[in-house]
Amino acid sequence: MFAREGISPGTALDAEKTAELLTRSERVFARVRALSLLSRAAHSRKGLERKLASRGFSAEAIRYAINRVSELGYLDDKAFAESWVRSRISGGKTGWNALYKGLLGKGVARATAEEVVSALCSFEDELGSRTPDGATDTLGGPDPGGSEDELRGPGPG
């Protein structure tokens, strides 16, 4: 970078050039940190922004790093959400609402969270499951307000 900029030992730098080099340097460090974090685990866009901010990077350097790793295909909220939901489902019975709210907490957009959870989590698996607006699911299951016998259905004979 120094040779490309015409900088050699003893070159005097004015304040403007110094500030420009510091900005460019911070962008590079933010991008390297983002790639390092992504090499260990998938992240949502917001989650990666939070981690970079907690490490002291400026908003401008974070924007640059996020945009660059996105362009390279390393950051994809939908792929992150699908992976996160699959890992929770395989670990045991987790409800639609918990998965949806978990993705929101990770910074995934509402539409993406709803799309992914709906695609990967069957409403029929959960009696009385809830949709994002809190309404009871009405996919033909028994009325959760019915008696225990009504919920169980007719006996074997």
C-alpha atoms as a PDB file:
ATOM      1  CA  MET A   1       0.000   0.000   0.000  1.00  0.00           C
ATOM      2  CA  PHE A   2       2.804   2.415   0.854  1.00  0.00           C
ATOM      3  CA  ALA A   3       4.586   1.966  -2.472  1.00  0.00           C
ATOM      4  CA  ARG A   4       1.305   2.344  -4.327  1.00  0.00           C
ATOM      5  CA  GLU A   5       0.753   5.632  -2.508  1.00  0.00           C
ATOM      6  CA  GLY A   6       4.276   6.842  -3.196  1.00  0.00           C
ATOM      7  CA  ILE A   7       5.208   6.733   0.481  1.00  0.00           C
ATOM      8  CA  SER A   8       8.748   5.832   1.440  1.00  0.00           C
ATOM      9  CA  PRO A   9      10.768   6.265   4.621  1.00  0.00           C
ATOM     10  CA  GLY A  10      11.137   9.946   5.364  1.00  0.00           C
ATOM     11  CA  THR A  11       8.069  11.012   3.352  1.00  0.00           C
ATOM     12  CA  ALA A  12       6.207  13.770   5.152  1.00  0.00           C
ATOM     13  CA  LEU A  13       2.467  13.195   5.482  1.00  0.00           C
ATOM     14  CA  ASP A  14       0.009  16.017   6.007  1.00  0.00           C
ATOM     15  CA  ALA A  15      -3.014  15.608   8.268  1.00  0.00           C
ATOM     16  CA  GLU A  16      -5.366  14.931   5.357  1.00  0.00           C
ATOM     17  CA  LYS A  17      -3.207  12.110   3.944  1.00  0.00           C
ATOM     18  CA  THR A  18      -2.739  10.627   7.410  1.00  0.00           C
ATOM     19  CA  ALA A  19      -6.509  10.637   8.033  1.00  0.00           C
ATOM     20  CA  GLU A  20      -7.143   9.012   4.634  1.00  0.00           C
ATOM     21  CA  LEU A  21      -4.606   6.257   5.337  1.00  0.00           C
ATOM     22  CA  LEU A  22      -6.048   5.634   8.797  1.00  0.00           C
ATOM     23  CA  THR A  23      -9.574   5.340   7.352  1.00  0.00           C
ATOM     24  CA  ARG A  24      -8.439   2.909   4.676  1.00  0.00           C
ATOM     25  CA  SER A  25      -6.469   0.915   7.222  1.00  0.00           C
ATOM     26  CA  GLU A  26      -9.475   0.651   9.548  1.00  0.00           C
ATOM     27  CA  ARG A  27     -11.602  -0.623   6.635  1.00  0.00           C
ATOM     28  CA  VAL A  28      -9.062  -3.353   5.950  1.00  0.00           C
ATOM     29  CA  PHE A  29      -8.901  -4.370   9.618  1.00  0.00           C
ATOM     30  CA  ALA A  30     -12.719  -4.404   9.887  1.00  0.00           C
ATOM     31  CA  ARG A  31     -12.983  -6.587   6.777  1.00  0.00           C
ATOM     32  CA  VAL A  32     -10.332  -8.980   8.102  1.00  0.00           C
ATOM     33  CA  ARG A  33     -12.114  -9.185  11.465  1.00  0.00           C
ATOM     34  CA  ALA A  34     -15.462  -9.807   9.744  1.00  0.00           C
ATOM     35  CA  LEU A  35     -13.957 -12.614   7.665  1.00  0.00           C
ATOM     36  CA  SER A  36     -12.353 -14.077  10.776  1.00  0.00           C
ATOM     37  CA  LEU A  37     -15.673 -14.070  12.636  1.00  0.00           C
ATOM     38  CA  LEU A  38     -17.474 -15.594   9.655  1.00  0.00           C
ATOM     39  CA  SER A  39     -14.828 -18.308   9.329  1.00  0.00           C
ATOM     40  CA  ARG A  40     -15.804 -19.576  12.782  1.00  0.00           C
ATOM     41  CA  ALA A  41     -19.601 -19.306  12.548  1.00  0.00           C
ATOM     42  CA  ALA A  42     -22.363 -17.924  10.364  1.00  0.00           C
ATOM     43  CA  HIS A  43     -23.708 -14.537  11.428  1.00  0.00           C
ATOM     44  CA  SER A  44     -26.651 -12.363  10.534  1.00  0.00           C
ATOM     45  CA  ARG A  45     -25.880  -8.949   9.081  1.00  0.00           C
ATOM     46  CA  LYS A  46     -26.997  -7.211  12.293  1.00  0.00           C
ATOM     47  CA  GLY A  47     -25.145  -9.713  14.458  1.00  0.00           C
ATOM     48  CA  LEU A  48     -21.904  -9.118  12.593  1.00  0.00           C
ATOM     49  CA  GLU A  49     -22.430  -5.340  12.767  1.00  0.00           C
ATOM     50  CA  ARG A  50     -22.855  -5.619  16.558  1.00  0.00           C
ATOM     51  CA  LYS A  51     -19.694  -7.685  16.941  1.00  0.00           C
ATOM     52  CA  LEU A  52     -17.619  -5.299  14.850  1.00  0.00           C
ATOM     53  CA  ALA A  53     -18.998  -2.299  16.760  1.00  0.00           C
ATOM     54  CA  SER A  54     -18.152  -3.981  20.070  1.00  0.00           C
ATOM     55  CA  ARG A  55     -14.578  -4.272  18.832  1.00  0.00           C
ATOM     56  CA  GLY A  56     -14.379  -0.510  18.346  1.00  0.00           C
ATOM     57  CA  PHE A  57     -14.696  -0.129  14.572  1.00  0.00           C
ATOM     58  CA  SER A  58     -16.317   3.037  13.230  1.00  0.00           C
ATOM     59  CA  ALA A  59     -19.731   2.904  11.563  1.00  0.00           C
ATOM     60  CA  GLU A  60     -18.099   3.700   8.205  1.00  0.00           C
ATOM     61  CA  ALA A  61     -15.574   0.834   8.501  1.00  0.00           C
ATOM     62  CA  ILE A  62     -18.347  -1.551   9.579  1.00  0.00           C
ATOM     63  CA  ARG A  63     -20.503  -0.564   6.583  1.00  0.00           C
ATOM     64  CA  TYR A  64     -17.564  -1.129   4.270  1.00  0.00           C
ATOM     65  CA  ALA A  65     -16.707  -4.535   5.782  1.00  0.00           C
ATOM     66  CA  ILE A  66     -20.337  -5.745   5.809  1.00  0.00           C
ATOM     67  CA  ASN A  67     -20.874  -4.669   2.204  1.00  0.00           C
ATOM     68  CA  ARG A  68     -17.640  -6.296   1.069  1.00  0.00           C
ATOM     69  CA  VAL A  69     -18.218  -9.685   2.751  1.00  0.00           C
ATOM     70  CA  SER A  70     -21.805  -9.609   1.425  1.00  0.00           C
ATOM     71  CA  GLU A  71     -20.520  -8.967  -2.122  1.00  0.00           C
ATOM     72  CA  LEU A  72     -18.175 -11.918  -1.713  1.00  0.00           C
ATOM     73  CA  GLY A  73     -21.115 -14.130  -0.698  1.00  0.00           C
ATOM     74  CA  TYR A  74     -19.966 -14.774   2.865  1.00  0.00           C
ATOM     75  CA  LEU A  75     -22.862 -13.009   4.577  1.00  0.00           C
ATOM     76  CA  ASP A  76     -26.432 -14.094   3.857  1.00  0.00           C
ATOM     77  CA  ASP A  77     -29.214 -13.572   6.415  1.00  0.00           C
ATOM     78  CA  LYS A  78     -31.477 -16.209   4.872  1.00  0.00           C
ATOM     79  CA  ALA A  79     -28.742 -18.872   4.865  1.00  0.00           C
ATOM     80  CA  PHE A  80     -27.840 -17.920   8.456  1.00  0.00           C
ATOM     81  CA  ALA A  81     -31.501 -18.155   9.525  1.00  0.00           C
ATOM     82  CA  GLU A  82     -31.978 -21.563   7.883  1.00  0.00           C
ATOM     83  CA  SER A  83     -28.850 -22.937   9.537  1.00  0.00           C
ATOM     84  CA  TRP A  84     -29.794 -21.501  12.929  1.00  0.00           C
ATOM     85  CA  VAL A  85     -33.353 -22.886  12.796  1.00  0.00           C
ATOM     86  CA  ARG A  86     -32.176 -26.340  11.640  1.00  0.00           C
ATOM     87  CA  SER A  87     -29.699 -26.520  14.516  1.00  0.00           C
ATOM     88  CA  ARG A  88     -32.419 -25.625  17.041  1.00  0.00           C
ATOM     89  CA  ILE A  89     -34.901 -28.114  15.581  1.00  0.00           C
ATOM     90  CA  SER A  90     -32.346 -30.949  15.554  1.00  0.00           C
ATOM     91  CA  GLY A  91     -31.482 -30.227  19.183  1.00  0.00           C
ATOM     92  CA  GLY A  92     -35.006 -30.967  20.358  1.00  0.00           C
ATOM     93  CA  LYS A  93     -38.552 -29.793  20.066  1.00  0.00           C
ATOM     94  CA  THR A  94     -38.521 -26.020  19.679  1.00  0.00           C
ATOM     95  CA  GLY A  95     -41.688 -24.100  18.899  1.00  0.00           C
ATOM     96  CA  TRP A  96     -42.388 -21.832  15.970  1.00  0.00           C
ATOM     97  CA  ASN A  97     -42.640 -18.752  18.179  1.00  0.00           C
ATOM     98  CA  ALA A  98     -39.337 -19.436  19.953  1.00  0.00           C
ATOM     99  CA  LEU A  99     -37.548 -19.917  16.632  1.00  0.00           C
ATOM    100  CA  TYR A 100     -39.108 -16.786  15.127  1.00  0.00           C
ATOM    101  CA  LYS A 101     -38.274 -14.633  18.160  1.00  0.00           C
ATOM    102  CA  GLY A 102     -34.774 -16.112  18.317  1.00  0.00           C
ATOM    103  CA  LEU A 103     -34.092 -15.035  14.744  1.00  0.00           C
ATOM    104  CA  LEU A 104     -35.421 -11.549  15.446  1.00  0.00           C
ATOM    105  CA  GLY A 105     -33.069 -11.383  18.424  1.00  0.00           C
ATOM    106  CA  LYS A 106     -30.201 -12.297  16.092  1.00  0.00           C
ATOM    107  CA  GLY A 107     -31.075  -9.324  13.883  1.00  0.00           C
ATOM    108  CA  VAL A 108     -32.785 -11.196  11.053  1.00  0.00           C
ATOM    109  CA  ALA A 109     -35.517  -9.192   9.294  1.00  0.00           C
ATOM    110  CA  ARG A 110     -39.097 -10.140  10.209  1.00  0.00           C
ATOM    111  CA  ALA A 111     -40.010 -11.239   6.678  1.00  0.00           C
ATOM    112  CA  THR A 112     -36.934 -13.467   6.413  1.00  0.00           C
ATOM    113  CA  ALA A 113     -37.494 -14.940   9.873  1.00  0.00           C
ATOM    114  CA  GLU A 114     -41.135 -15.729   9.124  1.00  0.00           C
ATOM    115  CA  GLU A 115     -40.300 -17.240   5.724  1.00  0.00           C
ATOM    116  CA  VAL A 116     -37.537 -19.483   7.080  1.00  0.00           C
ATOM    117  CA  VAL A 117     -39.333 -20.653  10.208  1.00  0.00           C
ATOM    118  CA  SER A 118     -42.533 -21.323   8.270  1.00  0.00           C
ATOM    119  CA  ALA A 119     -40.620 -23.355   5.688  1.00  0.00           C
ATOM    120  CA  LEU A 120     -38.686 -25.416   8.223  1.00  0.00           C
ATOM    121  CA  CYS A 121     -41.087 -25.763  11.132  1.00  0.00           C
ATOM    122  CA  SER A 122     -44.385 -27.530  10.608  1.00  0.00           C
ATOM    123  CA  PHE A 123     -47.363 -25.914  12.344  1.00  0.00           C
ATOM    124  CA  GLU A 124     -48.992 -29.338  12.640  1.00  0.00           C
ATOM    125  CA  ASP A 125     -46.192 -30.414  14.959  1.00  0.00           C
ATOM    126  CA  GLU A 126     -47.366 -27.895  17.536  1.00  0.00           C
ATOM    127  CA  LEU A 127     -50.887 -27.988  18.944  1.00  0.00           C
ATOM    128  CA  GLY A 128     -52.007 -24.410  19.460  1.00  0.00           C
ATOM    129  CA  SER A 129     -48.986 -22.890  17.773  1.00  0.00           C
ATOM    130  CA  ARG A 130     -48.956 -19.143  17.280  1.00  0.00           C
ATOM    131  CA  THR A 131     -48.188 -16.978  14.287  1.00  0.00           C
ATOM    132  CA  PRO A 132     -45.999 -13.850  14.519  1.00  0.00           C
ATOM    133  CA  ASP A 133     -49.023 -11.655  15.227  1.00  0.00           C
ATOM    134  CA  GLY A 134     -49.922 -13.851  18.226  1.00  0.00           C
ATOM    135  CA  ALA A 135     -53.047 -15.386  16.660  1.00  0.00           C
ATOM    136  CA  THR A 136     -53.744 -19.061  17.226  1.00  0.00           C
ATOM    137  CA  ASP A 137     -52.973 -21.252  14.253  1.00  0.00           C
ATOM    138  CA  THR A 138     -56.122 -22.512  12.532  1.00  0.00           C
ATOM    139  CA  LEU A 139     -54.831 -25.271  10.298  1.00  0.00           C
ATOM    140  CA  GLY A 140     -57.674 -27.624  11.157  1.00  0.00           C
ATOM    141  CA  GLY A 141     -56.487 -28.866  14.537  1.00  0.00           C
ATOM    142  CA  PRO A 142     -58.843 -29.269  17.488  1.00  0.00           C
ATOM    143  CA  ASP A 143     -59.977 -26.178  19.349  1.00  0.00           C
ATOM    144  CA  PRO A 144     -57.479 -25.741  22.199  1.00  0.00           C
ATOM    145  CA  GLY A 145     -60.338 -24.522  24.354  1.00  0.00           C
ATOM    146  CA  GLY A 146     -62.187 -27.876  24.161  1.00  0.00           C
ATOM    147  CA  SER A 147     -62.397 -30.459  26.904  1.00  0.00           C
ATOM    148  CA  GLU A 148     -59.677 -33.063  27.307  1.00  0.00           C
ATOM    149  CA  ASP A 149     -61.937 -35.725  25.711  1.00  0.00           C
ATOM    150  CA  GLU A 150     -62.630 -33.445  22.741  1.00  0.00           C
ATOM    151  CA  LEU A 151     -58.922 -32.831  22.274  1.00  0.00           C
ATOM    152  CA  ARG A 152     -58.082 -36.546  22.555  1.00  0.00           C
ATOM    153  CA  GLY A 153     -60.792 -37.599  20.103  1.00  0.00           C
ATOM    154  CA  PRO A 154     -62.899 -40.716  20.103  1.00  0.00           C
ATOM    155  CA  GLY A 155     -61.597 -43.808  21.869  1.00  0.00           C
ATOM    156  CA  PRO A 156     -60.706 -47.111  20.164  1.00  0.00           C
ATOM    157  CA  GLY A 157     -64.146 -48.546  20.044  1.00  0.00           C
END
